[in-house]
Amino acid sequence: DFVYAKNWSSTTEYGKVVCKDNSWQVTEEKMALTNNGKFMH
């Protein structure tokens, strides 16, 4: 019903960017999976 997107740094390698996978970006295709979900940030 609601999608809250937020980046945060790695917890296992604290304070570092260990994932650069752009497929995690929230897109219209991703939102289409939801129940007409509302987007928040």
All heavy atoms as atom14 arrays in JSON, in Angstrom:
{
  "sequence": "DFVYAKNWSSTTEYGKVVCKDNSWQVTEEKMALTNNGKFMH",
  "atom14_mask": [
    [1, 1, 1, 1, 1, 1, 1, 1, 0, 0, 0, 0, 0, 0],
    [1, 1, 1, 1, 1, 1, 1, 1, 1, 1, 1, 0, 0, 0],
    [1, 1, 1, 1, 1, 1, 1, 0, 0, 0, 0, 0, 0, 0],
    [1, 1, 1, 1, 1, 1, 1, 1, 1, 1, 1, 1, 0, 0],
    [1, 1, 1, 1, 1, 0, 0, 0, 0, 0, 0, 0, 0, 0],
    [1, 1, 1, 1, 1, 1, 1, 1, 1, 0, 0, 0, 0, 0],
    [1, 1, 1, 1, 1, 1, 1, 1, 0, 0, 0, 0, 0, 0],
    [1, 1, 1, 1, 1, 1, 1, 1, 1, 1, 1, 1, 1, 1],
    [1, 1, 1, 1, 1, 1, 0, 0, 0, 0, 0, 0, 0, 0],
    [1, 1, 1, 1, 1, 1, 0, 0, 0, 0, 0, 0, 0, 0],
    [1, 1, 1, 1, 1, 1, 1, 0, 0, 0, 0, 0, 0, 0],
    [1, 1, 1, 1, 1, 1, 1, 0, 0, 0, 0, 0, 0, 0],
    [1, 1, 1, 1, 1, 1, 1, 1, 1, 0, 0, 0, 0, 0],
    [1, 1, 1, 1, 1, 1, 1, 1, 1, 1, 1, 1, 0, 0],
    [1, 1, 1, 1, 0, 0, 0, 0, 0, 0, 0, 0, 0, 0],
    [1, 1, 1, 1, 1, 1, 1, 1, 1, 0, 0, 0, 0, 0],
    [1, 1, 1, 1, 1, 1, 1, 0, 0, 0, 0, 0, 0, 0],
    [1, 1, 1, 1, 1, 1, 1, 0, 0, 0, 0, 0, 0, 0],
    [1, 1, 1, 1, 1, 1, 0, 0, 0, 0, 0, 0, 0, 0],
    [1, 1, 1, 1, 1, 1, 1, 1, 1, 0, 0, 0, 0, 0],
    [1, 1, 1, 1, 1, 1, 1, 1, 0, 0, 0, 0, 0, 0],
    [1, 1, 1, 1, 1, 1, 1, 1, 0, 0, 0, 0, 0, 0],
    [1, 1, 1, 1, 1, 1, 0, 0, 0, 0, 0, 0, 0, 0],
    [1, 1, 1, 1, 1, 1, 1, 1, 1, 1, 1, 1, 1, 1],
    [1, 1, 1, 1, 1, 1, 1, 1, 1, 0, 0, 0, 0, 0],
    [1, 1, 1, 1, 1, 1, 1, 0, 0, 0, 0, 0, 0, 0],
    [1, 1, 1, 1, 1, 1, 1, 0, 0, 0, 0, 0, 0, 0],
    [1, 1, 1, 1, 1, 1, 1, 1, 1, 0, 0, 0, 0, 0],
    [1, 1, 1, 1, 1, 1, 1, 1, 1, 0, 0, 0, 0, 0],
    [1, 1, 1, 1, 1, 1, 1, 1, 1, 0, 0, 0, 0, 0],
    [1, 1, 1, 1, 1, 1, 1, 1, 0, 0, 0, 0, 0, 0],
    [1, 1, 1, 1, 1, 0, 0, 0, 0, 0, 0, 0, 0, 0],
    [1, 1, 1, 1, 1, 1, 1, 1, 0, 0, 0, 0, 0, 0],
    [1, 1, 1, 1, 1, 1, 1, 0, 0, 0, 0, 0, 0, 0],
    [1, 1, 1, 1, 1, 1, 1, 1, 0, 0, 0, 0, 0, 0],
    [1, 1, 1, 1, 1, 1, 1, 1, 0, 0, 0, 0, 0, 0],
    [1, 1, 1, 1, 0, 0, 0, 0, 0, 0, 0, 0, 0, 0],
    [1, 1, 1, 1, 1, 1, 1, 1, 1, 0, 0, 0, 0, 0],
    [1, 1, 1, 1, 1, 1, 1, 1, 1, 1, 1, 0, 0, 0],
    [1, 1, 1, 1, 1, 1, 1, 1, 0, 0, 0, 0, 0, 0],
    [1, 1, 1, 1, 1, 1, 1, 1, 1, 1, 0, 0, 0, 0]
  ],
  "atom14_positions": [
    [[0.83, -1.21, 0.0], [0.0, 0.0, 0.0], [0.87, 1.26, 0.0], [0.46, 2.29, -0.54], [-0.91, 0.01, 1.23], [-1.86, -1.18, 1.24], [-2.66, -1.28, 0.29], [-1.78, -2.0, 2.17], [0.0, 0.0, 0.0], [0.0, 0.0, 0.0], [0.0, 0.0, 0.0], [0.0, 0.0, 0.0], [0.0, 0.0, 0.0], [0.0, 0.0, 0.0]],
    [[2.05, 1.16, 0.62], [2.99, 2.29, 0.66], [4.39, 1.75, 0.45], [4.76, 0.71, 0.97], [2.92, 3.0, 2.02], [1.61, 3.69, 2.28], [0.57, 2.98, 2.89], [1.41, 5.01, 1.94], [-0.65, 3.59, 3.13], [0.19, 5.64, 2.18], [-0.84, 4.93, 2.78], [0.0, 0.0, 0.0], [0.0, 0.0, 0.0], [0.0, 0.0, 0.0]],
    [[5.17, 2.5, -0.34], [6.57, 2.16, -0.58], [7.43, 3.33, -0.12], [7.29, 4.45, -0.61], [6.84, 1.88, -2.07], [8.33, 1.62, -2.3], [6.0, 0.7, -2.55], [0.0, 0.0, 0.0], [0.0, 0.0, 0.0], [0.0, 0.0, 0.0], [0.0, 0.0, 0.0], [0.0, 0.0, 0.0], [0.0, 0.0, 0.0], [0.0, 0.0, 0.0]],
    [[8.28, 3.07, 0.85], [9.16, 4.1, 1.4], [10.58, 3.77, 0.96], [11.17, 2.77, 1.41], [9.06, 4.1, 2.93], [9.6, 5.36, 3.58], [8.74, 6.35, 4.04], [10.96, 5.54, 3.77], [9.23, 7.48, 4.66], [11.46, 6.68, 4.38], [10.58, 7.64, 4.82], [11.07, 8.78, 5.43], [0.0, 0.0, 0.0], [0.0, 0.0, 0.0]],
    [[11.14, 4.57, 0.09], [12.49, 4.33, -0.43], [13.51, 5.14, 0.35], [13.26, 6.3, 0.69], [12.57, 4.68, -1.91], [0.0, 0.0, 0.0], [0.0, 0.0, 0.0], [0.0, 0.0, 0.0], [0.0, 0.0, 0.0], [0.0, 0.0, 0.0], [0.0, 0.0, 0.0], [0.0, 0.0, 0.0], [0.0, 0.0, 0.0], [0.0, 0.0, 0.0]],
    [[14.64, 4.53, 0.64], [15.71, 5.25, 1.35], [17.0, 4.49, 1.19], [17.04, 3.28, 1.29], [15.38, 5.38, 2.85], [16.37, 6.24, 3.61], [16.26, 7.7, 3.23], [17.26, 8.56, 3.99], [18.63, 8.46, 3.44], [0.0, 0.0, 0.0], [0.0, 0.0, 0.0], [0.0, 0.0, 0.0], [0.0, 0.0, 0.0], [0.0, 0.0, 0.0]],
    [[18.07, 5.23, 0.94], [19.39, 4.62, 0.94], [19.96, 4.64, 2.36], [19.65, 5.53, 3.15], [20.34, 5.37, 0.01], [21.76, 4.82, 0.1], [22.56, 5.3, 0.89], [22.05, 3.81, -0.69], [0.0, 0.0, 0.0], [0.0, 0.0, 0.0], [0.0, 0.0, 0.0], [0.0, 0.0, 0.0], [0.0, 0.0, 0.0], [0.0, 0.0, 0.0]],
    [[20.75, 3.64, 2.68], [21.57, 3.69, 3.88], [22.84, 2.92, 3.62], [22.89, 2.05, 2.74], [20.82, 3.15, 5.11], [20.33, 1.73, 5.05], [20.99, 0.6, 5.45], [19.04, 1.27, 4.6], [20.2, -0.51, 5.29], [19.0, -0.14, 4.78], [17.89, 1.92, 4.09], [17.89, -0.91, 4.44], [16.79, 1.15, 3.76], [16.79, -0.23, 3.93]],
    [[23.89, 3.25, 4.34], [25.18, 2.61, 4.11], [25.17, 1.19, 4.65], [24.32, 0.81, 5.45], [26.3, 3.42, 4.77], [26.1, 3.49, 6.16], [0.0, 0.0, 0.0], [0.0, 0.0, 0.0], [0.0, 0.0, 0.0], [0.0, 0.0, 0.0], [0.0, 0.0, 0.0], [0.0, 0.0, 0.0], [0.0, 0.0, 0.0], [0.0, 0.0, 0.0]],
    [[26.14, 0.43, 4.22], [26.23, -0.97, 4.61], [26.3, -1.11, 6.13], [26.91, -0.29, 6.83], [27.47, -1.6, 3.99], [27.67, -2.91, 4.48], [0.0, 0.0, 0.0], [0.0, 0.0, 0.0], [0.0, 0.0, 0.0], [0.0, 0.0, 0.0], [0.0, 0.0, 0.0], [0.0, 0.0, 0.0], [0.0, 0.0, 0.0], [0.0, 0.0, 0.0]],
    [[25.66, -2.14, 6.63], [25.72, -2.42, 8.06], [26.8, -3.43, 8.4], [27.33, -3.42, 9.51], [24.35, -2.94, 8.55], [23.9, -4.0, 7.69], [23.32, -1.82, 8.53], [0.0, 0.0, 0.0], [0.0, 0.0, 0.0], [0.0, 0.0, 0.0], [0.0, 0.0, 0.0], [0.0, 0.0, 0.0], [0.0, 0.0, 0.0], [0.0, 0.0, 0.0]],
    [[27.16, -4.28, 7.45], [28.22, -5.25, 7.7], [29.6, -4.63, 7.47], [30.57, -4.98, 8.14], [28.06, -6.49, 6.81], [27.97, -6.07, 5.44], [26.8, -7.26, 7.19], [0.0, 0.0, 0.0], [0.0, 0.0, 0.0], [0.0, 0.0, 0.0], [0.0, 0.0, 0.0], [0.0, 0.0, 0.0], [0.0, 0.0, 0.0], [0.0, 0.0, 0.0]],
    [[29.7, -3.73, 6.51], [30.93, -2.95, 6.29], [30.54, -1.5, 6.56], [30.32, -0.71, 5.65], [31.46, -3.14, 4.88], [31.89, -4.57, 4.59], [32.53, -4.73, 3.24], [33.44, -3.93, 2.92], [32.11, -5.63, 2.49], [0.0, 0.0, 0.0], [0.0, 0.0, 0.0], [0.0, 0.0, 0.0], [0.0, 0.0, 0.0], [0.0, 0.0, 0.0]],
    [[30.45, -1.17, 7.82], [29.81, 0.04, 8.3], [30.34, 1.3, 7.6], [31.54, 1.51, 7.49], [30.0, 0.19, 9.81], [29.26, 1.37, 10.38], [27.88, 1.38, 10.46], [29.95, 2.48, 10.83], [27.19, 2.47, 10.96], [29.27, 3.58, 11.34], [27.9, 3.57, 11.41], [27.23, 4.66, 11.9], [0.0, 0.0, 0.0], [0.0, 0.0, 0.0]],
    [[29.38, 2.09, 7.13], [29.7, 3.38, 6.54], [30.21, 3.31, 5.11], [30.66, 4.31, 4.56], [0.0, 0.0, 0.0], [0.0, 0.0, 0.0], [0.0, 0.0, 0.0], [0.0, 0.0, 0.0], [0.0, 0.0, 0.0], [0.0, 0.0, 0.0], [0.0, 0.0, 0.0], [0.0, 0.0, 0.0], [0.0, 0.0, 0.0], [0.0, 0.0, 0.0]],
    [[30.12, 2.13, 4.49], [30.64, 1.98, 3.13], [29.52, 1.69, 2.14], [28.44, 1.23, 2.5], [31.67, 0.85, 3.08], [32.93, 1.13, 3.9], [33.94, -0.01, 3.76], [35.19, 0.29, 4.56], [36.18, -0.82, 4.45], [0.0, 0.0, 0.0], [0.0, 0.0, 0.0], [0.0, 0.0, 0.0], [0.0, 0.0, 0.0], [0.0, 0.0, 0.0]],
    [[29.8, 1.99, 0.87], [28.91, 1.62, -0.23], [29.44, 0.33, -0.82], [30.46, 0.31, -1.5], [28.87, 2.72, -1.32], [27.99, 2.29, -2.48], [28.39, 4.04, -0.74], [0.0, 0.0, 0.0], [0.0, 0.0, 0.0], [0.0, 0.0, 0.0], [0.0, 0.0, 0.0], [0.0, 0.0, 0.0], [0.0, 0.0, 0.0], [0.0, 0.0, 0.0]],
    [[28.76, -0.78, -0.53], [29.22, -2.07, -1.04], [28.31, -2.6, -2.15], [28.66, -3.55, -2.83], [29.33, -3.12, 0.09], [30.37, -2.69, 1.1], [27.99, -3.36, 0.76], [0.0, 0.0, 0.0], [0.0, 0.0, 0.0], [0.0, 0.0, 0.0], [0.0, 0.0, 0.0], [0.0, 0.0, 0.0], [0.0, 0.0, 0.0], [0.0, 0.0, 0.0]],
    [[27.16, -1.97, -2.32], [26.24, -2.37, -3.4], [25.98, -1.17, -4.31], [25.59, -0.1, -3.84], [24.92, -2.87, -2.82], [23.72, -3.36, -4.09], [0.0, 0.0, 0.0], [0.0, 0.0, 0.0], [0.0, 0.0, 0.0], [0.0, 0.0, 0.0], [0.0, 0.0, 0.0], [0.0, 0.0, 0.0], [0.0, 0.0, 0.0], [0.0, 0.0, 0.0]],
    [[26.22, -1.35, -5.59], [25.96, -0.3, -6.58], [24.99, -0.79, -7.64], [25.03, -0.35, -8.79], [27.27, 0.16, -7.21], [28.26, 0.75, -6.2], [29.54, 1.22, -6.86], [30.49, 1.8, -5.84], [31.76, 2.27, -6.44], [0.0, 0.0, 0.0], [0.0, 0.0, 0.0], [0.0, 0.0, 0.0], [0.0, 0.0, 0.0], [0.0, 0.0, 0.0]],
    [[24.1, -1.68, -7.24], [23.15, -2.31, -8.14], [21.98, -1.35, -8.42], [21.1, -1.16, -7.58], [22.63, -3.6, -7.53], [21.71, -4.37, -8.45], [21.37, -3.85, -9.54], [21.29, -5.49, -8.08], [0.0, 0.0, 0.0], [0.0, 0.0, 0.0], [0.0, 0.0, 0.0], [0.0, 0.0, 0.0], [0.0, 0.0, 0.0], [0.0, 0.0, 0.0]],
    [[21.98, -0.75, -9.6], [20.96, 0.24, -9.94], [19.58, -0.36, -10.14], [18.59, 0.37, -10.27], [21.37, 1.01, -11.2], [22.57, 1.9, -10.95], [22.76, 2.4, -9.84], [23.39, 2.11, -11.97], [0.0, 0.0, 0.0], [0.0, 0.0, 0.0], [0.0, 0.0, 0.0], [0.0, 0.0, 0.0], [0.0, 0.0, 0.0], [0.0, 0.0, 0.0]],
    [[19.49, -1.68, -10.17], [18.18, -2.31, -10.34], [17.3, -2.12, -9.09], [16.1, -2.38, -9.14], [18.33, -3.8, -10.64], [18.78, -4.52, -9.5], [0.0, 0.0, 0.0], [0.0, 0.0, 0.0], [0.0, 0.0, 0.0], [0.0, 0.0, 0.0], [0.0, 0.0, 0.0], [0.0, 0.0, 0.0], [0.0, 0.0, 0.0], [0.0, 0.0, 0.0]],
    [[17.88, -1.64, -8.01], [17.11, -1.37, -6.8], [16.39, -0.02, -6.88], [15.58, 0.31, -6.0], [18.02, -1.4, -5.57], [18.3, -2.8, -5.11], [19.25, -3.65, -5.58], [17.62, -3.51, -4.07], [19.22, -4.85, -4.92], [18.23, -4.8, -3.96], [16.57, -3.21, -3.2], [17.81, -5.76, -3.05], [16.16, -4.16, -2.28], [16.77, -5.41, -2.21]],
    [[16.68, 0.77, -7.9], [15.96, 2.04, -8.07], [14.46, 1.76, -8.16], [14.03, 0.8, -8.81], [16.43, 2.74, -9.35], [15.71, 4.05, -9.62], [16.08, 4.68, -10.96], [15.28, 5.31, -11.61], [17.34, 4.52, -11.37], [0.0, 0.0, 0.0], [0.0, 0.0, 0.0], [0.0, 0.0, 0.0], [0.0, 0.0, 0.0], [0.0, 0.0, 0.0]],
    [[13.66, 2.6, -7.52], [12.2, 2.45, -7.59], [11.71, 3.1, -8.88], [11.83, 4.31, -9.06], [11.52, 3.07, -6.36], [10.01, 2.88, -6.46], [12.04, 2.44, -5.08], [0.0, 0.0, 0.0], [0.0, 0.0, 0.0], [0.0, 0.0, 0.0], [0.0, 0.0, 0.0], [0.0, 0.0, 0.0], [0.0, 0.0, 0.0], [0.0, 0.0, 0.0]],
    [[11.16, 2.29, -9.75], [10.69, 2.73, -11.05], [9.18, 2.52, -11.16], [8.56, 1.91, -10.29], [11.39, 1.93, -12.16], [11.05, 0.54, -11.99], [12.9, 2.11, -12.09], [0.0, 0.0, 0.0], [0.0, 0.0, 0.0], [0.0, 0.0, 0.0], [0.0, 0.0, 0.0], [0.0, 0.0, 0.0], [0.0, 0.0, 0.0], [0.0, 0.0, 0.0]],
    [[8.62, 2.98, -12.26], [7.19, 2.76, -12.5], [6.88, 1.27, -12.61], [5.81, 0.82, -12.18], [6.77, 3.5, -13.77], [6.8, 5.02, -13.61], [6.73, 5.75, -14.93], [7.77, 5.83, -15.61], [5.63, 6.23, -15.28], [0.0, 0.0, 0.0], [0.0, 0.0, 0.0], [0.0, 0.0, 0.0], [0.0, 0.0, 0.0], [0.0, 0.0, 0.0]],
    [[7.81, 0.52, -13.17], [7.63, -0.93, -13.29], [7.59, -1.57, -11.9], [6.8, -2.49, -11.63], [8.75, -1.55, -14.12], [8.71, -1.18, -15.61], [9.16, 0.24, -15.89], [9.87, 0.82, -15.04], [8.8, 0.79, -16.95], [0.0, 0.0, 0.0], [0.0, 0.0, 0.0], [0.0, 0.0, 0.0], [0.0, 0.0, 0.0], [0.0, 0.0, 0.0]],
    [[8.44, -1.1, -11.01], [8.45, -1.63, -9.64], [7.15, -1.27, -8.92], [6.57, -2.09, -8.2], [9.65, -1.08, -8.87], [11.01, -1.54, -9.38], [11.3, -2.97, -8.99], [12.65, -3.44, -9.51], [13.77, -2.85, -8.78], [0.0, 0.0, 0.0], [0.0, 0.0, 0.0], [0.0, 0.0, 0.0], [0.0, 0.0, 0.0], [0.0, 0.0, 0.0]],
    [[6.69, -0.04, -9.1], [5.46, 0.39, -8.42], [4.25, -0.35, -8.95], [3.24, -0.48, -8.25], [5.29, 1.9, -8.57], [6.31, 2.74, -7.8], [6.29, 2.46, -6.01], [4.67, 3.11, -5.57], [0.0, 0.0, 0.0], [0.0, 0.0, 0.0], [0.0, 0.0, 0.0], [0.0, 0.0, 0.0], [0.0, 0.0, 0.0], [0.0, 0.0, 0.0]],
    [[4.33, -0.84, -10.2], [3.22, -1.6, -10.77], [3.0, -2.93, -10.04], [1.93, -3.54, -10.17], [3.48, -1.86, -12.25], [0.0, 0.0, 0.0], [0.0, 0.0, 0.0], [0.0, 0.0, 0.0], [0.0, 0.0, 0.0], [0.0, 0.0, 0.0], [0.0, 0.0, 0.0], [0.0, 0.0, 0.0], [0.0, 0.0, 0.0], [0.0, 0.0, 0.0]],
    [[3.98, -3.38, -9.27], [3.85, -4.61, -8.49], [2.99, -4.4, -7.23], [2.53, -5.35, -6.63], [5.23, -5.13, -8.06], [6.21, -5.49, -9.18], [7.59, -5.76, -8.6], [5.71, -6.7, -9.96], [0.0, 0.0, 0.0], [0.0, 0.0, 0.0], [0.0, 0.0, 0.0], [0.0, 0.0, 0.0], [0.0, 0.0, 0.0], [0.0, 0.0, 0.0]],
    [[2.78, -3.13, -6.86], [2.11, -2.82, -5.61], [0.59, -2.79, -5.77], [0.06, -2.92, -6.89], [2.58, -1.45, -5.08], [2.05, -0.4, -5.92], [4.1, -1.36, -5.04], [0.0, 0.0, 0.0], [0.0, 0.0, 0.0], [0.0, 0.0, 0.0], [0.0, 0.0, 0.0], [0.0, 0.0, 0.0], [0.0, 0.0, 0.0], [0.0, 0.0, 0.0]],
    [[-0.09, -2.57, -4.68], [-1.53, -2.42, -4.67], [-1.89, -0.95, -4.9], [-2.4, -0.27, -4.01], [-2.09, -2.91, -3.32], [-3.6, -2.77, -3.23], [-4.31, -2.85, -4.23], [-4.09, -2.55, -2.02], [0.0, 0.0, 0.0], [0.0, 0.0, 0.0], [0.0, 0.0, 0.0], [0.0, 0.0, 0.0], [0.0, 0.0, 0.0], [0.0, 0.0, 0.0]],
    [[-1.55, -0.46, -6.12], [-1.72, 0.97, -6.41], [-1.03, 1.79, -5.31], [-1.57, 2.78, -4.81], [-3.19, 1.35, -6.51], [-3.41, 2.72, -7.15], [-2.63, 3.14, -8.02], [-4.44, 3.43, -6.72], [0.0, 0.0, 0.0], [0.0, 0.0, 0.0], [0.0, 0.0, 0.0], [0.0, 0.0, 0.0], [0.0, 0.0, 0.0], [0.0, 0.0, 0.0]],
    [[0.17, 1.36, -4.95], [0.86, 1.9, -3.78], [1.27, 3.35, -3.91], [1.55, 3.86, -4.99], [0.0, 0.0, 0.0], [0.0, 0.0, 0.0], [0.0, 0.0, 0.0], [0.0, 0.0, 0.0], [0.0, 0.0, 0.0], [0.0, 0.0, 0.0], [0.0, 0.0, 0.0], [0.0, 0.0, 0.0], [0.0, 0.0, 0.0], [0.0, 0.0, 0.0]],
    [[1.31, 4.0, -2.76], [1.77, 5.38, -2.66], [3.27, 5.37, -2.42], [3.79, 4.55, -1.64], [1.07, 6.11, -1.52], [-0.44, 6.08, -1.57], [-0.99, 6.94, -2.68], [-2.51, 7.03, -2.61], [-3.08, 7.86, -3.69], [0.0, 0.0, 0.0], [0.0, 0.0, 0.0], [0.0, 0.0, 0.0], [0.0, 0.0, 0.0], [0.0, 0.0, 0.0]],
    [[3.98, 6.32, -3.03], [5.43, 6.39, -2.89], [5.82, 7.47, -1.89], [5.28, 8.58, -1.91], [6.1, 6.69, -4.23], [7.59, 6.83, -4.12], [8.39, 5.69, -4.1], [8.19, 8.07, -3.99], [9.78, 5.81, -3.96], [9.57, 8.19, -3.86], [10.36, 7.06, -3.85], [0.0, 0.0, 0.0], [0.0, 0.0, 0.0], [0.0, 0.0, 0.0]],
    [[6.77, 7.13, -1.01], [7.23, 8.07, 0.01], [8.75, 8.14, 0.05], [9.45, 7.16, -0.23], [6.68, 7.66, 1.38], [5.17, 7.61, 1.46], [4.55, 7.02, 3.07], [5.06, 8.38, 4.14], [0.0, 0.0, 0.0], [0.0, 0.0, 0.0], [0.0, 0.0, 0.0], [0.0, 0.0, 0.0], [0.0, 0.0, 0.0], [0.0, 0.0, 0.0]],
    [[9.25, 9.3, 0.42], [10.69, 9.51, 0.64], [10.84, 10.76, 1.5], [10.08, 11.71, 1.36], [11.44, 9.68, -0.68], [12.94, 9.68, -0.53], [13.63, 10.81, -0.13], [13.86, 8.71, -0.72], [14.91, 10.52, -0.08], [15.08, 9.25, -0.43], [0.0, 0.0, 0.0], [0.0, 0.0, 0.0], [0.0, 0.0, 0.0], [0.0, 0.0, 0.0]]
  ]
}
